[in-house]
Amino acid sequence: MAEDLAANMGFIMGNKQRERIVQVLGSKGKMAADRIAKVEHIPAPAVKKILAELGQRMIVSENDGVWSLTETGLEIEKEMKKRT
């Protein structure tokens, strides 16, 4: 489990846009991809691609077009806060 967390942390923190998407979902809660794109000033296609990647890693989940952090995602977001 700890190595999964470390691997996912590296995956997210290796890309500023991934980092910002996880942070905004952590601070503002559930959001649609287009809203994340607007709030973070990241092109919508990039946001959708990143959310799909994060979804494959079980960091975020989608329900009716609304994305949120999973338990794993919340853990990672908490750990990211400690490191900044």
N, C-alpha and C. Protein backbone atom coordinates (compact mmCIF):
# COMPACT_ATOMS: atom_id res chain seq x y z
N MET A 1 0.83 -1.20 0.00
CA MET A 1 0.00 0.00 0.00
C MET A 1 0.87 1.26 0.00
N ALA A 2 1.90 1.29 0.84
CA ALA A 2 2.75 2.48 0.93
C ALA A 2 3.47 2.75 -0.39
N GLU A 3 3.90 1.66 -1.08
CA GLU A 3 4.59 1.88 -2.36
C GLU A 3 3.61 2.36 -3.43
N ASP A 4 2.34 1.93 -3.34
CA ASP A 4 1.31 2.44 -4.26
C ASP A 4 1.13 3.94 -4.05
N LEU A 5 1.07 4.34 -2.80
CA LEU A 5 0.92 5.76 -2.47
C LEU A 5 2.10 6.55 -3.03
N ALA A 6 3.30 6.03 -2.81
CA ALA A 6 4.50 6.71 -3.30
C ALA A 6 4.50 6.79 -4.83
N ALA A 7 4.12 5.71 -5.49
CA ALA A 7 4.09 5.70 -6.95
C ALA A 7 3.06 6.70 -7.48
N ASN A 8 1.88 6.72 -6.86
CA ASN A 8 0.85 7.67 -7.29
C ASN A 8 1.24 9.11 -6.99
N MET A 9 1.90 9.33 -5.86
CA MET A 9 2.39 10.68 -5.52
C MET A 9 3.37 11.14 -6.60
N GLY A 10 4.28 10.28 -6.98
CA GLY A 10 5.26 10.61 -8.02
C GLY A 10 4.58 10.91 -9.34
N PHE A 11 3.57 10.10 -9.68
CA PHE A 11 2.81 10.29 -10.92
C PHE A 11 2.14 11.66 -10.93
N ILE A 12 1.51 12.02 -9.82
CA ILE A 12 0.79 13.30 -9.75
C ILE A 12 1.76 14.47 -9.69
N MET A 13 2.75 14.38 -8.81
CA MET A 13 3.65 15.52 -8.60
C MET A 13 4.64 15.71 -9.75
N GLY A 14 4.70 14.74 -10.64
CA GLY A 14 5.55 14.88 -11.83
C GLY A 14 4.92 15.75 -12.91
N ASN A 15 3.70 16.20 -12.68
CA ASN A 15 2.99 17.01 -13.67
C ASN A 15 2.17 18.07 -12.95
N LYS A 16 2.47 19.34 -13.21
CA LYS A 16 1.79 20.45 -12.52
C LYS A 16 0.28 20.44 -12.71
N GLN A 17 -0.17 20.07 -13.92
CA GLN A 17 -1.61 20.06 -14.17
C GLN A 17 -2.30 18.97 -13.36
N ARG A 18 -1.69 17.80 -13.28
CA ARG A 18 -2.26 16.72 -12.44
C ARG A 18 -2.35 17.19 -11.00
N GLU A 19 -1.27 17.82 -10.55
CA GLU A 19 -1.20 18.31 -9.17
C GLU A 19 -2.33 19.30 -8.89
N ARG A 20 -2.53 20.24 -9.81
CA ARG A 20 -3.56 21.27 -9.63
C ARG A 20 -4.96 20.67 -9.63
N ILE A 21 -5.19 19.66 -10.47
CA ILE A 21 -6.51 19.02 -10.53
C ILE A 21 -6.80 18.29 -9.22
N VAL A 22 -5.83 17.57 -8.69
CA VAL A 22 -6.02 16.87 -7.41
C VAL A 22 -6.26 17.90 -6.29
N GLN A 23 -5.49 18.99 -6.31
CA GLN A 23 -5.64 20.02 -5.28
C GLN A 23 -7.02 20.68 -5.33
N VAL A 24 -7.49 21.00 -6.53
CA VAL A 24 -8.79 21.68 -6.62
C VAL A 24 -9.92 20.75 -6.21
N LEU A 25 -9.83 19.48 -6.55
CA LEU A 25 -10.86 18.53 -6.11
C LEU A 25 -10.81 18.35 -4.59
N GLY A 26 -9.61 18.42 -4.03
CA GLY A 26 -9.45 18.30 -2.58
C GLY A 26 -10.00 19.52 -1.85
N SER A 27 -9.77 20.70 -2.39
CA SER A 27 -10.20 21.91 -1.69
C SER A 27 -11.65 22.29 -1.97
N LYS A 28 -12.12 22.08 -3.18
CA LYS A 28 -13.47 22.52 -3.55
C LYS A 28 -14.48 21.38 -3.64
N GLY A 29 -14.02 20.15 -3.59
CA GLY A 29 -14.93 19.01 -3.65
C GLY A 29 -15.30 18.63 -5.08
N LYS A 30 -16.42 17.97 -5.23
CA LYS A 30 -16.85 17.43 -6.52
C LYS A 30 -17.01 18.53 -7.57
N MET A 31 -16.59 18.20 -8.81
CA MET A 31 -16.68 19.16 -9.91
C MET A 31 -16.75 18.45 -11.24
N ALA A 32 -17.39 19.10 -12.20
CA ALA A 32 -17.40 18.61 -13.58
C ALA A 32 -16.06 18.98 -14.23
N ALA A 33 -15.65 18.21 -15.22
CA ALA A 33 -14.37 18.45 -15.90
C ALA A 33 -14.28 19.87 -16.47
N ASP A 34 -15.37 20.35 -17.10
CA ASP A 34 -15.35 21.69 -17.68
C ASP A 34 -15.15 22.77 -16.62
N ARG A 35 -15.72 22.55 -15.45
CA ARG A 35 -15.57 23.52 -14.35
C ARG A 35 -14.12 23.52 -13.85
N ILE A 36 -13.53 22.34 -13.74
CA ILE A 36 -12.12 22.25 -13.33
C ILE A 36 -11.26 23.01 -14.33
N ALA A 37 -11.53 22.80 -15.61
CA ALA A 37 -10.77 23.47 -16.68
C ALA A 37 -10.85 24.99 -16.51
N LYS A 38 -12.06 25.48 -16.23
CA LYS A 38 -12.26 26.93 -16.08
C LYS A 38 -11.53 27.46 -14.85
N VAL A 39 -11.73 26.79 -13.72
CA VAL A 39 -11.14 27.23 -12.45
C VAL A 39 -9.61 27.22 -12.52
N GLU A 40 -9.04 26.18 -13.11
CA GLU A 40 -7.58 26.03 -13.13
C GLU A 40 -6.92 26.56 -14.40
N HIS A 41 -7.71 27.06 -15.33
CA HIS A 41 -7.18 27.60 -16.60
C HIS A 41 -6.32 26.55 -17.33
N ILE A 42 -6.87 25.35 -17.41
CA ILE A 42 -6.24 24.25 -18.14
C ILE A 42 -7.21 23.89 -19.26
N PRO A 43 -6.74 23.69 -20.49
CA PRO A 43 -7.66 23.33 -21.58
C PRO A 43 -8.51 22.10 -21.23
N ALA A 44 -9.80 22.17 -21.54
CA ALA A 44 -10.73 21.08 -21.20
C ALA A 44 -10.28 19.71 -21.69
N PRO A 45 -9.77 19.58 -22.94
CA PRO A 45 -9.32 18.25 -23.37
C PRO A 45 -8.20 17.69 -22.49
N ALA A 46 -7.31 18.56 -22.03
CA ALA A 46 -6.22 18.12 -21.14
C ALA A 46 -6.78 17.67 -19.80
N VAL A 47 -7.74 18.42 -19.27
CA VAL A 47 -8.37 18.05 -17.99
C VAL A 47 -9.03 16.68 -18.11
N LYS A 48 -9.76 16.46 -19.20
CA LYS A 48 -10.46 15.18 -19.39
C LYS A 48 -9.48 14.02 -19.51
N LYS A 49 -8.37 14.24 -20.20
CA LYS A 49 -7.34 13.21 -20.34
C LYS A 49 -6.72 12.88 -18.97
N ILE A 50 -6.40 13.92 -18.21
CA ILE A 50 -5.79 13.73 -16.89
C ILE A 50 -6.77 13.03 -15.95
N LEU A 51 -8.04 13.43 -15.98
CA LEU A 51 -9.04 12.78 -15.12
C LEU A 51 -9.16 11.30 -15.48
N ALA A 52 -9.10 10.99 -16.77
CA ALA A 52 -9.16 9.58 -17.19
C ALA A 52 -7.96 8.80 -16.65
N GLU A 53 -6.76 9.42 -16.72
CA GLU A 53 -5.55 8.77 -16.19
C GLU A 53 -5.67 8.57 -14.68
N LEU A 54 -6.14 9.59 -13.98
CA LEU A 54 -6.29 9.50 -12.53
C LEU A 54 -7.37 8.48 -12.17
N GLY A 55 -8.39 8.38 -12.99
CA GLY A 55 -9.45 7.39 -12.78
C GLY A 55 -8.94 5.97 -12.90
N GLN A 56 -8.05 5.73 -13.88
CA GLN A 56 -7.46 4.40 -14.05
C GLN A 56 -6.64 4.00 -12.84
N ARG A 57 -6.07 4.97 -12.16
CA ARG A 57 -5.26 4.71 -10.96
C ARG A 57 -6.11 4.76 -9.69
N MET A 58 -7.42 4.88 -9.85
CA MET A 58 -8.36 4.92 -8.72
C MET A 58 -8.10 6.09 -7.77
N ILE A 59 -7.66 7.21 -8.33
CA ILE A 59 -7.41 8.42 -7.54
C ILE A 59 -8.65 9.31 -7.56
N VAL A 60 -9.35 9.29 -8.69
CA VAL A 60 -10.62 10.02 -8.81
C VAL A 60 -11.69 9.06 -9.32
N SER A 61 -12.94 9.43 -9.10
CA SER A 61 -14.05 8.66 -9.67
C SER A 61 -15.06 9.65 -10.25
N GLU A 62 -15.83 9.15 -11.20
CA GLU A 62 -16.78 10.00 -11.90
C GLU A 62 -18.18 9.44 -11.71
N ASN A 63 -19.12 10.34 -11.45
CA ASN A 63 -20.51 9.95 -11.29
C ASN A 63 -21.37 11.00 -12.00
N ASP A 64 -22.02 10.62 -13.09
CA ASP A 64 -22.86 11.54 -13.87
C ASP A 64 -22.11 12.79 -14.32
N GLY A 65 -20.86 12.61 -14.75
CA GLY A 65 -20.08 13.74 -15.25
C GLY A 65 -19.43 14.59 -14.17
N VAL A 66 -19.60 14.20 -12.92
CA VAL A 66 -19.01 14.95 -11.80
C VAL A 66 -17.88 14.11 -11.20
N TRP A 67 -16.72 14.72 -11.07
CA TRP A 67 -15.52 14.02 -10.58
C TRP A 67 -15.25 14.35 -9.12
N SER A 68 -14.73 13.37 -8.40
CA SER A 68 -14.34 13.58 -7.01
C SER A 68 -13.16 12.67 -6.68
N LEU A 69 -12.47 13.01 -5.60
CA LEU A 69 -11.35 12.19 -5.15
C LEU A 69 -11.89 10.93 -4.47
N THR A 70 -11.21 9.82 -4.69
CA THR A 70 -11.52 8.58 -3.98
C THR A 70 -10.81 8.64 -2.63
N GLU A 71 -10.95 7.59 -1.82
CA GLU A 71 -10.21 7.52 -0.55
C GLU A 71 -8.71 7.66 -0.80
N THR A 72 -8.23 6.96 -1.83
CA THR A 72 -6.80 7.04 -2.20
C THR A 72 -6.45 8.46 -2.59
N GLY A 73 -7.30 9.08 -3.38
CA GLY A 73 -7.08 10.46 -3.81
C GLY A 73 -7.01 11.43 -2.64
N LEU A 74 -7.90 11.23 -1.67
CA LEU A 74 -7.91 12.09 -0.48
C LEU A 74 -6.62 11.92 0.32
N GLU A 75 -6.16 10.67 0.43
CA GLU A 75 -4.90 10.38 1.13
C GLU A 75 -3.74 11.10 0.45
N ILE A 76 -3.70 11.00 -0.87
CA ILE A 76 -2.63 11.62 -1.65
C ILE A 76 -2.68 13.14 -1.50
N GLU A 77 -3.88 13.70 -1.57
CA GLU A 77 -4.03 15.15 -1.46
C GLU A 77 -3.56 15.64 -0.09
N LYS A 78 -3.87 14.86 0.96
CA LYS A 78 -3.43 15.19 2.31
C LYS A 78 -1.90 15.17 2.39
N GLU A 79 -1.30 14.15 1.79
CA GLU A 79 0.15 14.00 1.78
C GLU A 79 0.80 15.15 0.99
N MET A 80 0.16 15.55 -0.11
CA MET A 80 0.69 16.67 -0.92
C MET A 80 0.72 17.96 -0.11
N LYS A 81 -0.32 18.17 0.71
CA LYS A 81 -0.38 19.38 1.55
C LYS A 81 0.78 19.42 2.54
N LYS A 82 1.12 18.24 3.08
CA LYS A 82 2.22 18.16 4.05
C LYS A 82 3.54 18.56 3.40
N ARG A 83 3.69 18.24 2.11
CA ARG A 83 4.96 18.45 1.43
C ARG A 83 5.13 19.85 0.88
N THR A 84 4.08 20.67 0.92
CA THR A 84 4.22 22.04 0.38
C THR A 84 4.41 23.05 1.47
